[in-house]
Structure formats: structure tokens, C-alpha cells
Amino acid sequence: MTATLPKPSFALITLILPGPDRKRTPAPYHFRITYRNPDPADPGCVMTWEVLGGRETYQIALERTAGGEHVWHCTCPDAIYHGENRHAYRCKHVQGLTGLFDPIGTPARHLKASAA
């Protein structure tokens, strides 16, 4: 009987962000995709990332609402403290990740070509 191996991580992205020290010295933060919804157009969790490089390990989640809006969540203390602003505030982890998507653009959905 062969054992099924877990799927490897989709990607590891390293960004330089303001560090966790008082001087906010630039430091590398590593973002590892831990979950990706096979149908990202559905409402609910679209993706999750594990964030390494600060004082603790954090998790970021991207949620799609029933209305099609995207809502970002982060478990870092800064995001939790400012969470009362109903997602108007984005922590440095979410800002770094969303800033990365700006130059990439919205991914195109590939459709299978039908045989004529």
C-alpha cells in the first residue's frame, strides 16, 4: 500500500516590509500559500497565507462575500487592534501582499477550447 503524500505548498513569496522592531528596520517576511479554493468565484474563503518573519507567525485570509466583494483578514495584533474599523484599516502584511498583486493584475480565467 502506498502512502499519499501531502500536496506541496503552492508558492513562497518573500517581501521586504517594515520590521517588528521599534525602528521598523526593513526585514524579510515570507508568505506561504496554505489554502486555495478550487472555485475562487464562490463566496467564502478564497485563499489563506502563513506569514513568517516577524515576532510571531500570522495568518492572512482573503474572503469573498456573497456580494462579490473581497475582505482581507490578518491575525497580527495590529490588524486585530484596528479591526473595529470594519476592515477600513489594512496591516502591513495585507498591504504588502495586495501591493504585490497590483503589478500582476487580475488573473485571467483559462477556458478549455471546445472541439469544432
N, C-alpha and C. Protein backbone atom coordinates (compact mmCIF):
# COMPACT_ATOMS: atom_id res chain seq x y z
N MET A 1 0.84 -1.17 0.00
CA MET A 1 0.00 0.00 0.00
C MET A 1 0.90 1.25 0.00
N THR A 2 0.62 2.17 -0.89
CA THR A 2 1.43 3.38 -0.96
C THR A 2 0.75 4.50 -0.19
N ALA A 3 1.55 5.26 0.50
CA ALA A 3 1.02 6.39 1.28
C ALA A 3 0.85 7.59 0.36
N THR A 4 -0.22 8.32 0.57
CA THR A 4 -0.45 9.54 -0.20
C THR A 4 0.32 10.68 0.44
N LEU A 5 1.15 11.33 -0.36
CA LEU A 5 1.93 12.45 0.15
C LEU A 5 1.10 13.72 0.09
N PRO A 6 1.25 14.59 1.08
CA PRO A 6 0.51 15.86 1.03
C PRO A 6 1.00 16.70 -0.14
N LYS A 7 0.09 17.50 -0.69
CA LYS A 7 0.47 18.38 -1.78
C LYS A 7 1.46 19.44 -1.27
N PRO A 8 2.47 19.75 -2.07
CA PRO A 8 3.40 20.79 -1.63
C PRO A 8 2.74 22.16 -1.65
N SER A 9 3.37 23.11 -0.97
CA SER A 9 2.87 24.47 -0.94
C SER A 9 2.83 25.03 -2.36
N PHE A 10 1.87 25.89 -2.64
CA PHE A 10 1.74 26.49 -3.96
C PHE A 10 2.88 27.45 -4.26
N ALA A 11 3.22 28.28 -3.31
CA ALA A 11 4.24 29.29 -3.56
C ALA A 11 4.78 29.84 -2.25
N LEU A 12 5.97 30.40 -2.33
CA LEU A 12 6.55 31.11 -1.23
C LEU A 12 7.00 32.46 -1.79
N ILE A 13 6.49 33.52 -1.21
CA ILE A 13 6.81 34.88 -1.65
C ILE A 13 7.53 35.57 -0.51
N THR A 14 8.62 36.24 -0.80
CA THR A 14 9.34 37.00 0.21
C THR A 14 9.25 38.48 -0.13
N LEU A 15 8.79 39.28 0.83
CA LEU A 15 8.69 40.72 0.66
C LEU A 15 9.47 41.41 1.77
N ILE A 16 10.05 42.55 1.47
CA ILE A 16 10.72 43.36 2.48
C ILE A 16 9.69 44.37 2.99
N LEU A 17 9.39 44.28 4.29
CA LEU A 17 8.41 45.15 4.94
C LEU A 17 9.05 45.79 6.16
N PRO A 18 8.43 46.83 6.71
CA PRO A 18 8.95 47.39 7.96
C PRO A 18 8.98 46.29 9.03
N GLY A 19 10.12 46.16 9.69
CA GLY A 19 10.30 45.08 10.66
C GLY A 19 9.56 45.27 11.96
N PRO A 20 9.66 44.27 12.83
CA PRO A 20 8.93 44.29 14.10
C PRO A 20 9.59 45.14 15.19
N ASP A 21 10.82 45.64 14.94
CA ASP A 21 11.48 46.43 15.98
C ASP A 21 10.94 47.87 16.01
N ARG A 22 11.29 48.60 17.04
CA ARG A 22 10.77 49.97 17.21
C ARG A 22 11.20 50.90 16.07
N LYS A 23 12.36 50.65 15.49
CA LYS A 23 12.84 51.49 14.39
C LYS A 23 12.23 51.07 13.05
N ARG A 24 11.49 49.98 13.06
CA ARG A 24 10.84 49.45 11.85
C ARG A 24 11.86 49.22 10.73
N THR A 25 13.01 48.69 11.11
CA THR A 25 14.07 48.37 10.16
C THR A 25 13.54 47.36 9.15
N PRO A 26 13.72 47.61 7.85
CA PRO A 26 13.20 46.68 6.84
C PRO A 26 13.69 45.25 7.09
N ALA A 27 12.77 44.31 6.97
CA ALA A 27 13.06 42.90 7.24
C ALA A 27 12.29 42.03 6.25
N PRO A 28 12.83 40.84 5.95
CA PRO A 28 12.12 39.93 5.04
C PRO A 28 10.94 39.24 5.74
N TYR A 29 9.83 39.21 5.06
CA TYR A 29 8.64 38.48 5.52
C TYR A 29 8.30 37.46 4.45
N HIS A 30 8.03 36.24 4.86
CA HIS A 30 7.75 35.15 3.93
C HIS A 30 6.27 34.81 3.97
N PHE A 31 5.64 34.78 2.82
CA PHE A 31 4.22 34.48 2.67
C PHE A 31 4.10 33.13 1.96
N ARG A 32 3.50 32.18 2.64
CA ARG A 32 3.33 30.84 2.06
C ARG A 32 1.84 30.55 1.92
N ILE A 33 1.43 30.23 0.71
CA ILE A 33 0.02 29.90 0.47
C ILE A 33 -0.27 28.56 1.14
N THR A 34 -1.29 28.54 2.01
CA THR A 34 -1.65 27.31 2.71
C THR A 34 -2.98 26.74 2.23
N TYR A 35 -3.79 27.56 1.57
CA TYR A 35 -5.07 27.07 1.05
C TYR A 35 -5.47 27.92 -0.15
N ARG A 36 -6.00 27.27 -1.15
CA ARG A 36 -6.55 27.96 -2.31
C ARG A 36 -7.84 27.27 -2.71
N ASN A 37 -8.94 28.02 -2.73
CA ASN A 37 -10.24 27.46 -3.07
C ASN A 37 -10.22 27.02 -4.53
N PRO A 38 -10.64 25.80 -4.83
CA PRO A 38 -10.66 25.35 -6.22
C PRO A 38 -11.63 26.13 -7.09
N ASP A 39 -12.63 26.76 -6.47
CA ASP A 39 -13.56 27.61 -7.23
C ASP A 39 -13.59 28.98 -6.55
N PRO A 40 -12.61 29.84 -6.86
CA PRO A 40 -12.48 31.11 -6.14
C PRO A 40 -13.61 32.11 -6.39
N ALA A 41 -14.52 31.83 -7.32
CA ALA A 41 -15.64 32.73 -7.57
C ALA A 41 -16.76 32.54 -6.54
N ASP A 42 -16.75 31.42 -5.83
CA ASP A 42 -17.77 31.15 -4.82
C ASP A 42 -17.55 32.03 -3.59
N PRO A 43 -18.63 32.43 -2.91
CA PRO A 43 -18.48 33.17 -1.65
C PRO A 43 -17.78 32.30 -0.60
N GLY A 44 -17.04 32.94 0.28
CA GLY A 44 -16.32 32.22 1.33
C GLY A 44 -14.83 32.46 1.21
N CYS A 45 -14.06 31.58 1.80
CA CYS A 45 -12.60 31.72 1.82
C CYS A 45 -12.04 31.47 0.42
N VAL A 46 -11.26 32.42 -0.08
CA VAL A 46 -10.62 32.29 -1.39
C VAL A 46 -9.23 31.70 -1.23
N MET A 47 -8.43 32.29 -0.34
CA MET A 47 -7.06 31.82 -0.11
C MET A 47 -6.64 32.14 1.32
N THR A 48 -5.64 31.39 1.81
CA THR A 48 -5.00 31.71 3.07
C THR A 48 -3.49 31.66 2.89
N TRP A 49 -2.79 32.48 3.66
CA TRP A 49 -1.34 32.52 3.65
C TRP A 49 -0.83 32.44 5.08
N GLU A 50 0.32 31.82 5.25
CA GLU A 50 1.03 31.84 6.52
C GLU A 50 2.14 32.88 6.36
N VAL A 51 2.28 33.77 7.35
CA VAL A 51 3.26 34.85 7.29
C VAL A 51 4.34 34.59 8.35
N LEU A 52 5.58 34.48 7.89
CA LEU A 52 6.72 34.26 8.78
C LEU A 52 7.68 35.43 8.65
N GLY A 53 8.37 35.76 9.73
CA GLY A 53 9.39 36.79 9.64
C GLY A 53 9.28 37.85 10.71
N GLY A 54 8.18 37.96 11.35
CA GLY A 54 8.02 38.94 12.42
C GLY A 54 8.26 38.28 13.77
N ARG A 55 7.64 38.83 14.78
CA ARG A 55 7.77 38.25 16.12
C ARG A 55 7.05 36.92 16.24
N GLU A 56 5.96 36.79 15.53
CA GLU A 56 5.12 35.59 15.58
C GLU A 56 4.82 35.13 14.15
N THR A 57 4.18 33.99 14.03
CA THR A 57 3.66 33.53 12.75
C THR A 57 2.20 33.96 12.69
N TYR A 58 1.80 34.58 11.58
CA TYR A 58 0.43 35.06 11.42
C TYR A 58 -0.23 34.37 10.24
N GLN A 59 -1.54 34.54 10.15
CA GLN A 59 -2.28 34.00 9.03
C GLN A 59 -3.09 35.12 8.40
N ILE A 60 -3.08 35.13 7.06
CA ILE A 60 -3.90 36.08 6.29
C ILE A 60 -4.93 35.24 5.54
N ALA A 61 -6.15 35.74 5.48
CA ALA A 61 -7.20 35.09 4.71
C ALA A 61 -7.88 36.11 3.81
N LEU A 62 -8.22 35.69 2.61
CA LEU A 62 -8.99 36.52 1.69
C LEU A 62 -10.37 35.89 1.57
N GLU A 63 -11.38 36.68 1.89
CA GLU A 63 -12.77 36.22 1.86
C GLU A 63 -13.53 36.93 0.74
N ARG A 64 -14.34 36.18 0.02
CA ARG A 64 -15.25 36.77 -0.97
C ARG A 64 -16.65 36.74 -0.36
N THR A 65 -17.29 37.92 -0.29
CA THR A 65 -18.64 37.98 0.26
C THR A 65 -19.65 37.54 -0.79
N ALA A 66 -20.89 37.35 -0.36
CA ALA A 66 -21.95 36.96 -1.29
C ALA A 66 -22.17 38.04 -2.36
N GLY A 67 -21.83 39.30 -2.03
CA GLY A 67 -21.96 40.40 -2.98
C GLY A 67 -20.77 40.52 -3.92
N GLY A 68 -19.77 39.63 -3.78
CA GLY A 68 -18.61 39.64 -4.66
C GLY A 68 -17.46 40.53 -4.20
N GLU A 69 -17.58 41.15 -3.02
CA GLU A 69 -16.51 41.99 -2.51
C GLU A 69 -15.45 41.12 -1.82
N HIS A 70 -14.21 41.62 -1.82
CA HIS A 70 -13.13 40.93 -1.14
C HIS A 70 -12.88 41.58 0.22
N VAL A 71 -12.71 40.75 1.24
CA VAL A 71 -12.42 41.22 2.59
C VAL A 71 -11.17 40.48 3.06
N TRP A 72 -10.16 41.25 3.51
CA TRP A 72 -8.91 40.69 3.99
C TRP A 72 -8.95 40.57 5.50
N HIS A 73 -8.37 39.49 6.03
CA HIS A 73 -8.27 39.26 7.47
C HIS A 73 -6.82 38.89 7.79
N CYS A 74 -6.29 39.41 8.89
CA CYS A 74 -4.95 39.05 9.36
C CYS A 74 -5.03 38.82 10.86
N THR A 75 -4.23 37.88 11.35
CA THR A 75 -4.24 37.57 12.78
C THR A 75 -3.20 38.36 13.57
N CYS A 76 -2.49 39.30 12.92
CA CYS A 76 -1.48 40.07 13.65
C CYS A 76 -2.16 41.02 14.65
N PRO A 77 -1.47 41.37 15.73
CA PRO A 77 -2.07 42.26 16.73
C PRO A 77 -2.51 43.61 16.17
N ASP A 78 -1.75 44.14 15.21
CA ASP A 78 -2.11 45.43 14.62
C ASP A 78 -3.47 45.35 13.94
N ALA A 79 -3.71 44.30 13.17
CA ALA A 79 -4.99 44.14 12.47
C ALA A 79 -6.12 43.89 13.46
N ILE A 80 -5.85 43.13 14.49
CA ILE A 80 -6.89 42.84 15.49
C ILE A 80 -7.25 44.10 16.26
N TYR A 81 -6.26 44.89 16.64
CA TYR A 81 -6.50 46.12 17.39
C TYR A 81 -7.33 47.10 16.56
N HIS A 82 -7.02 47.22 15.27
CA HIS A 82 -7.73 48.16 14.40
C HIS A 82 -8.95 47.53 13.74
N GLY A 83 -9.26 46.29 14.08
CA GLY A 83 -10.37 45.58 13.46
C GLY A 83 -11.72 46.22 13.69
N GLU A 84 -11.82 47.05 14.71
CA GLU A 84 -13.09 47.72 15.00
C GLU A 84 -13.45 48.71 13.89
N ASN A 85 -12.52 49.03 13.00
CA ASN A 85 -12.80 49.96 11.90
C ASN A 85 -13.47 49.27 10.72
N ARG A 86 -13.95 48.07 10.93
CA ARG A 86 -14.70 47.32 9.90
C ARG A 86 -13.92 47.20 8.59
N HIS A 87 -12.68 46.76 8.70
CA HIS A 87 -11.83 46.45 7.55
C HIS A 87 -11.39 47.68 6.75
N ALA A 88 -11.55 48.88 7.32
CA ALA A 88 -11.04 50.07 6.64
C ALA A 88 -9.53 50.13 6.79
N TYR A 89 -8.98 49.51 7.83
CA TYR A 89 -7.55 49.51 8.09
C TYR A 89 -6.94 48.21 7.56
N ARG A 90 -5.78 48.31 6.92
CA ARG A 90 -5.04 47.12 6.48
C ARG A 90 -3.66 47.14 7.11
N CYS A 91 -3.29 46.05 7.75
CA CYS A 91 -1.97 45.95 8.38
C CYS A 91 -0.89 45.86 7.30
N LYS A 92 0.38 45.95 7.74
CA LYS A 92 1.49 45.93 6.78
C LYS A 92 1.56 44.61 6.02
N HIS A 93 1.12 43.52 6.63
CA HIS A 93 1.17 42.22 5.96
C HIS A 93 0.20 42.19 4.78
N VAL A 94 -1.02 42.65 5.01
CA VAL A 94 -2.03 42.69 3.94
C VAL A 94 -1.64 43.74 2.90
N GLN A 95 -1.14 44.89 3.33
CA GLN A 95 -0.71 45.91 2.38
C GLN A 95 0.40 45.38 1.47
N GLY A 96 1.36 44.66 2.05
CA GLY A 96 2.45 44.10 1.26
C GLY A 96 1.95 43.10 0.24
N LEU A 97 1.05 42.22 0.67
CA LEU A 97 0.52 41.20 -0.23
C LEU A 97 -0.34 41.80 -1.33
N THR A 98 -1.22 42.73 -0.98
CA THR A 98 -2.07 43.34 -2.00
C THR A 98 -1.26 44.24 -2.93
N GLY A 99 -0.21 44.86 -2.41
CA GLY A 99 0.68 45.66 -3.26
C GLY A 99 1.39 44.81 -4.29
N LEU A 100 1.63 43.57 -3.97
CA LEU A 100 2.26 42.65 -4.92
C LEU A 100 1.32 42.34 -6.07
N PHE A 101 0.03 42.26 -5.80
CA PHE A 101 -0.94 41.93 -6.85
C PHE A 101 -1.17 43.07 -7.82
N ASP A 102 -0.93 44.31 -7.40
CA ASP A 102 -1.16 45.46 -8.29
C ASP A 102 -0.39 45.33 -9.61
N PRO A 103 0.93 45.06 -9.59
CA PRO A 103 1.63 44.95 -10.87
C PRO A 103 1.28 43.68 -11.65
N ILE A 104 0.82 42.65 -10.93
CA ILE A 104 0.50 41.39 -11.60
C ILE A 104 -0.84 41.50 -12.31
N GLY A 105 -1.81 42.15 -11.70
CA GLY A 105 -3.13 42.28 -12.29
C GLY A 105 -4.04 41.13 -11.90
N THR A 106 -5.25 41.19 -12.37
CA THR A 106 -6.23 40.15 -12.09
C THR A 106 -5.93 38.94 -12.94
N PRO A 107 -5.87 37.75 -12.33
CA PRO A 107 -5.59 36.57 -13.13
C PRO A 107 -6.68 36.29 -14.15
N ALA A 108 -6.28 35.88 -15.31
CA ALA A 108 -7.25 35.54 -16.37
C ALA A 108 -7.72 34.11 -16.12
N ARG A 109 -8.96 33.89 -16.38
CA ARG A 109 -9.52 32.54 -16.23
C ARG A 109 -9.39 31.84 -17.57
N HIS A 110 -8.72 30.70 -17.57
CA HIS A 110 -8.49 29.95 -18.80
C HIS A 110 -9.64 28.98 -19.03
N LEU A 111 -10.21 29.06 -20.21
CA LEU A 111 -11.29 28.15 -20.58
C LEU A 111 -10.76 27.12 -21.56
N LYS A 112 -11.26 25.92 -21.45
CA LYS A 112 -10.84 24.86 -22.37
C LYS A 112 -11.43 25.15 -23.75
N ALA A 113 -10.62 24.95 -24.75
CA ALA A 113 -11.10 25.14 -26.13
C ALA A 113 -11.99 23.97 -26.48
N SER A 114 -13.12 24.25 -27.11
CA SER A 114 -14.03 23.17 -27.50
C SER A 114 -13.67 22.71 -28.90
N ALA A 115 -13.86 21.44 -29.13
CA ALA A 115 -13.57 20.88 -30.44
C ALA A 115 -14.70 21.24 -31.40
N ALA A 116 -14.34 21.64 -32.59
CA ALA A 116 -15.34 22.05 -33.57
C ALA A 116 -15.88 20.88 -34.35
